[in-house]
Amino acid sequence: MPIELTLLGASTVLLFAHVMIQGQTATRDRGLDWNAGPRDGAAQPLGTLAGRAARALANFQETYPAFIALTLALAMTGQTGGSGAAGAILWFAARLAYIPLYLFGVRYLRSLAWLASILGMLLMLVRFF
């Protein structure tokens, strides 16, 4: 199986990690009753960590569809490997590093991790063409 497809599967685990971290930190701030309830009305503001987790998840969700599309396009056209594989590895590693960098408020390195993930997708796009 091409590494791009392996990383697509692993990226699903990464998505679940984002969702679980965001959910757990929000529940810690807002309480179990809020989490188990219908969440009607205005929600209590999130604390620093839960807010960061929510923003990190939103950031992941903004670019994740492009990664999925590029991965499937490379696999369907038989153009896996080369710069596409390198790009997928770079994207995955950068997105993995992004989570703790954002949660712990590490400036600049977090932005570099995001930029590296974008570079990874550009490498995949170049491979496609």
C-alpha atoms as a PDB file:
ATOM      1  CA  MET A   1       0.000   0.000   0.000  1.00  0.00           C
ATOM      2  CA  PRO A   2       1.378   3.462  -0.843  1.00  0.00           C
ATOM      3  CA  ILE A   3       2.591   5.539   2.095  1.00  0.00           C
ATOM      4  CA  GLU A   4       0.108   8.247   1.147  1.00  0.00           C
ATOM      5  CA  LEU A   5      -2.811   5.887   1.805  1.00  0.00           C
ATOM      6  CA  THR A   6      -1.233   4.644   5.009  1.00  0.00           C
ATOM      7  CA  LEU A   7      -0.961   8.247   6.184  1.00  0.00           C
ATOM      8  CA  LEU A   8      -4.555   8.889   5.135  1.00  0.00           C
ATOM      9  CA  GLY A   9      -5.604   6.149   7.517  1.00  0.00           C
ATOM     10  CA  ALA A  10      -3.313   7.473  10.241  1.00  0.00           C
ATOM     11  CA  SER A  11      -4.688  10.963   9.686  1.00  0.00           C
ATOM     12  CA  THR A  12      -8.103   9.675  10.719  1.00  0.00           C
ATOM     13  CA  VAL A  13      -6.584   8.761  14.076  1.00  0.00           C
ATOM     14  CA  LEU A  14      -5.122  12.268  14.199  1.00  0.00           C
ATOM     15  CA  LEU A  15      -8.586  13.721  13.574  1.00  0.00           C
ATOM     16  CA  PHE A  16     -10.006  11.584  16.400  1.00  0.00           C
ATOM     17  CA  ALA A  17      -7.199  12.800  18.678  1.00  0.00           C
ATOM     18  CA  HIS A  18      -8.091  16.417  17.891  1.00  0.00           C
ATOM     19  CA  VAL A  19     -11.772  15.785  18.568  1.00  0.00           C
ATOM     20  CA  MET A  20     -11.077  13.936  21.826  1.00  0.00           C
ATOM     21  CA  ILE A  21      -8.685  16.597  23.110  1.00  0.00           C
ATOM     22  CA  GLN A  22     -11.123  19.350  22.244  1.00  0.00           C
ATOM     23  CA  GLY A  23     -14.045  17.480  23.791  1.00  0.00           C
ATOM     24  CA  GLN A  24     -12.234  16.581  26.990  1.00  0.00           C
ATOM     25  CA  THR A  25     -10.904  20.081  27.574  1.00  0.00           C
ATOM     26  CA  ALA A  26     -14.313  21.648  26.871  1.00  0.00           C
ATOM     27  CA  THR A  27     -15.993  19.175  29.224  1.00  0.00           C
ATOM     28  CA  ARG A  28     -13.446  20.005  31.906  1.00  0.00           C
ATOM     29  CA  ASP A  29     -14.332  23.705  31.557  1.00  0.00           C
ATOM     30  CA  ARG A  30     -18.081  23.415  31.093  1.00  0.00           C
ATOM     31  CA  GLY A  31     -18.878  20.283  33.079  1.00  0.00           C
ATOM     32  CA  LEU A  32     -20.234  16.825  32.386  1.00  0.00           C
ATOM     33  CA  ASP A  33     -23.859  18.012  32.567  1.00  0.00           C
ATOM     34  CA  TRP A  34     -23.192  20.431  29.707  1.00  0.00           C
ATOM     35  CA  ASN A  35     -21.506  17.725  27.644  1.00  0.00           C
ATOM     36  CA  ALA A  36     -24.280  15.192  28.230  1.00  0.00           C
ATOM     37  CA  GLY A  37     -27.066  17.734  27.779  1.00  0.00           C
ATOM     38  CA  PRO A  38     -28.624  19.303  24.679  1.00  0.00           C
ATOM     39  CA  ARG A  39     -26.264  22.336  24.855  1.00  0.00           C
ATOM     40  CA  ASP A  40     -29.136  24.774  24.459  1.00  0.00           C
ATOM     41  CA  GLY A  41     -28.504  28.443  25.131  1.00  0.00           C
ATOM     42  CA  ALA A  42     -25.222  30.260  25.459  1.00  0.00           C
ATOM     43  CA  ALA A  43     -22.271  28.147  26.474  1.00  0.00           C
ATOM     44  CA  GLN A  44     -19.903  29.110  29.249  1.00  0.00           C
ATOM     45  CA  PRO A  45     -16.691  30.549  27.740  1.00  0.00           C
ATOM     46  CA  LEU A  46     -13.826  28.134  27.308  1.00  0.00           C
ATOM     47  CA  GLY A  47     -10.619  28.445  29.276  1.00  0.00           C
ATOM     48  CA  THR A  48      -7.225  28.895  27.671  1.00  0.00           C
ATOM     49  CA  LEU A  49      -6.439  25.225  27.006  1.00  0.00           C
ATOM     50  CA  ALA A  50      -9.921  24.318  25.773  1.00  0.00           C
ATOM     51  CA  GLY A  51      -9.980  27.397  23.553  1.00  0.00           C
ATOM     52  CA  ARG A  52      -6.646  26.425  22.039  1.00  0.00           C
ATOM     53  CA  ALA A  53      -7.861  22.867  21.505  1.00  0.00           C
ATOM     54  CA  ALA A  54     -10.978  24.151  19.726  1.00  0.00           C
ATOM     55  CA  ARG A  55      -8.927  26.444  17.485  1.00  0.00           C
ATOM     56  CA  ALA A  56      -6.405  23.694  16.712  1.00  0.00           C
ATOM     57  CA  LEU A  57      -9.248  21.377  15.686  1.00  0.00           C
ATOM     58  CA  ALA A  58     -10.804  24.085  13.506  1.00  0.00           C
ATOM     59  CA  ASN A  59      -7.440  24.710  11.857  1.00  0.00           C
ATOM     60  CA  PHE A  60      -7.017  21.003  11.149  1.00  0.00           C
ATOM     61  CA  GLN A  61     -10.514  20.818   9.669  1.00  0.00           C
ATOM     62  CA  GLU A  62      -9.766  23.727   7.325  1.00  0.00           C
ATOM     63  CA  THR A  63      -6.973  21.898   5.480  1.00  0.00           C
ATOM     64  CA  TYR A  64      -7.822  18.241   6.079  1.00  0.00           C
ATOM     65  CA  PRO A  65     -10.216  17.977   3.092  1.00  0.00           C
ATOM     66  CA  ALA A  66      -7.420  19.139   0.775  1.00  0.00           C
ATOM     67  CA  PHE A  67      -5.088  16.476   2.162  1.00  0.00           C
ATOM     68  CA  ILE A  68      -7.738  13.805   1.651  1.00  0.00           C
ATOM     69  CA  ALA A  69      -8.404  14.969  -1.914  1.00  0.00           C
ATOM     70  CA  LEU A  70      -4.718  15.107  -2.823  1.00  0.00           C
ATOM     71  CA  THR A  71      -4.048  11.690  -1.320  1.00  0.00           C
ATOM     72  CA  LEU A  72      -6.930  10.068  -3.176  1.00  0.00           C
ATOM     73  CA  ALA A  73      -6.036  11.848  -6.415  1.00  0.00           C
ATOM     74  CA  LEU A  74      -2.464  10.558  -6.240  1.00  0.00           C
ATOM     75  CA  ALA A  75      -3.630   7.034  -5.448  1.00  0.00           C
ATOM     76  CA  MET A  76      -6.302   6.982  -8.158  1.00  0.00           C
ATOM     77  CA  THR A  77      -3.927   8.229 -10.854  1.00  0.00           C
ATOM     78  CA  GLY A  78      -1.094   5.920  -9.819  1.00  0.00           C
ATOM     79  CA  GLN A  79       1.179   8.846  -9.015  1.00  0.00           C
ATOM     80  CA  THR A  80       2.068   7.880  -5.467  1.00  0.00           C
ATOM     81  CA  GLY A  81       5.646   8.034  -4.299  1.00  0.00           C
ATOM     82  CA  GLY A  82       8.274  10.667  -4.961  1.00  0.00           C
ATOM     83  CA  SER A  83       7.418  14.200  -3.933  1.00  0.00           C
ATOM     84  CA  GLY A  84       3.825  13.149  -3.196  1.00  0.00           C
ATOM     85  CA  ALA A  85       4.970  10.669  -0.574  1.00  0.00           C
ATOM     86  CA  ALA A  86       7.448  13.184   0.854  1.00  0.00           C
ATOM     87  CA  GLY A  87       4.682  15.763   0.993  1.00  0.00           C
ATOM     88  CA  ALA A  88       2.285  13.408   2.755  1.00  0.00           C
ATOM     89  CA  ILE A  89       4.940  12.524   5.328  1.00  0.00           C
ATOM     90  CA  LEU A  90       5.736  16.202   5.863  1.00  0.00           C
ATOM     91  CA  TRP A  91       2.050  17.088   6.178  1.00  0.00           C
ATOM     92  CA  PHE A  92       1.417  14.328   8.714  1.00  0.00           C
ATOM     93  CA  ALA A  93       4.509  15.066  10.812  1.00  0.00           C
ATOM     94  CA  ALA A  94       3.748  18.785  10.840  1.00  0.00           C
ATOM     95  CA  ARG A  95       0.095  18.254  11.796  1.00  0.00           C
ATOM     96  CA  LEU A  96       1.176  15.866  14.555  1.00  0.00           C
ATOM     97  CA  ALA A  97       3.625  18.444  15.920  1.00  0.00           C
ATOM     98  CA  TYR A  98       1.028  21.211  15.602  1.00  0.00           C
ATOM     99  CA  ILE A  99      -1.225  19.852  18.355  1.00  0.00           C
ATOM    100  CA  PRO A 100       1.145  20.164  21.343  1.00  0.00           C
ATOM    101  CA  LEU A 101       2.690  23.337  19.941  1.00  0.00           C
ATOM    102  CA  TYR A 102      -0.738  24.975  19.868  1.00  0.00           C
ATOM    103  CA  LEU A 103      -1.916  23.553  23.196  1.00  0.00           C
ATOM    104  CA  PHE A 104       1.206  24.778  24.999  1.00  0.00           C
ATOM    105  CA  GLY A 105       1.126  28.163  23.263  1.00  0.00           C
ATOM    106  CA  VAL A 106       4.476  27.830  21.498  1.00  0.00           C
ATOM    107  CA  ARG A 107       4.719  30.830  19.229  1.00  0.00           C
ATOM    108  CA  TYR A 108       6.424  30.802  15.860  1.00  0.00           C
ATOM    109  CA  LEU A 109       7.161  27.053  15.935  1.00  0.00           C
ATOM    110  CA  ARG A 110       3.438  26.439  15.740  1.00  0.00           C
ATOM    111  CA  SER A 111       3.252  28.706  12.706  1.00  0.00           C
ATOM    112  CA  LEU A 112       6.235  26.917  11.175  1.00  0.00           C
ATOM    113  CA  ALA A 113       4.506  23.575  11.703  1.00  0.00           C
ATOM    114  CA  TRP A 114       1.421  24.897   9.922  1.00  0.00           C
ATOM    115  CA  LEU A 115       3.574  26.250   7.092  1.00  0.00           C
ATOM    116  CA  ALA A 116       5.348  22.875   6.801  1.00  0.00           C
ATOM    117  CA  SER A 117       1.971  21.141   6.486  1.00  0.00           C
ATOM    118  CA  ILE A 118       1.008  23.496   3.661  1.00  0.00           C
ATOM    119  CA  LEU A 119       4.364  22.853   1.977  1.00  0.00           C
ATOM    120  CA  GLY A 120       3.638  19.122   2.265  1.00  0.00           C
ATOM    121  CA  MET A 121       0.356  19.533   0.445  1.00  0.00           C
ATOM    122  CA  LEU A 122       2.039  21.656  -2.221  1.00  0.00           C
ATOM    123  CA  LEU A 123       4.534  18.851  -2.800  1.00  0.00           C
ATOM    124  CA  MET A 124       1.612  16.481  -3.227  1.00  0.00           C
ATOM    125  CA  LEU A 125      -0.041  18.882  -5.659  1.00  0.00           C
ATOM    126  CA  VAL A 126       3.166  19.214  -7.701  1.00  0.00           C
ATOM    127  CA  ARG A 127       3.370  15.421  -7.912  1.00  0.00           C
ATOM    128  CA  PHE A 128      -0.197  15.303  -9.186  1.00  0.00           C
ATOM    129  CA  PHE A 129       0.613  17.623 -12.080  1.00  0.00           C
END
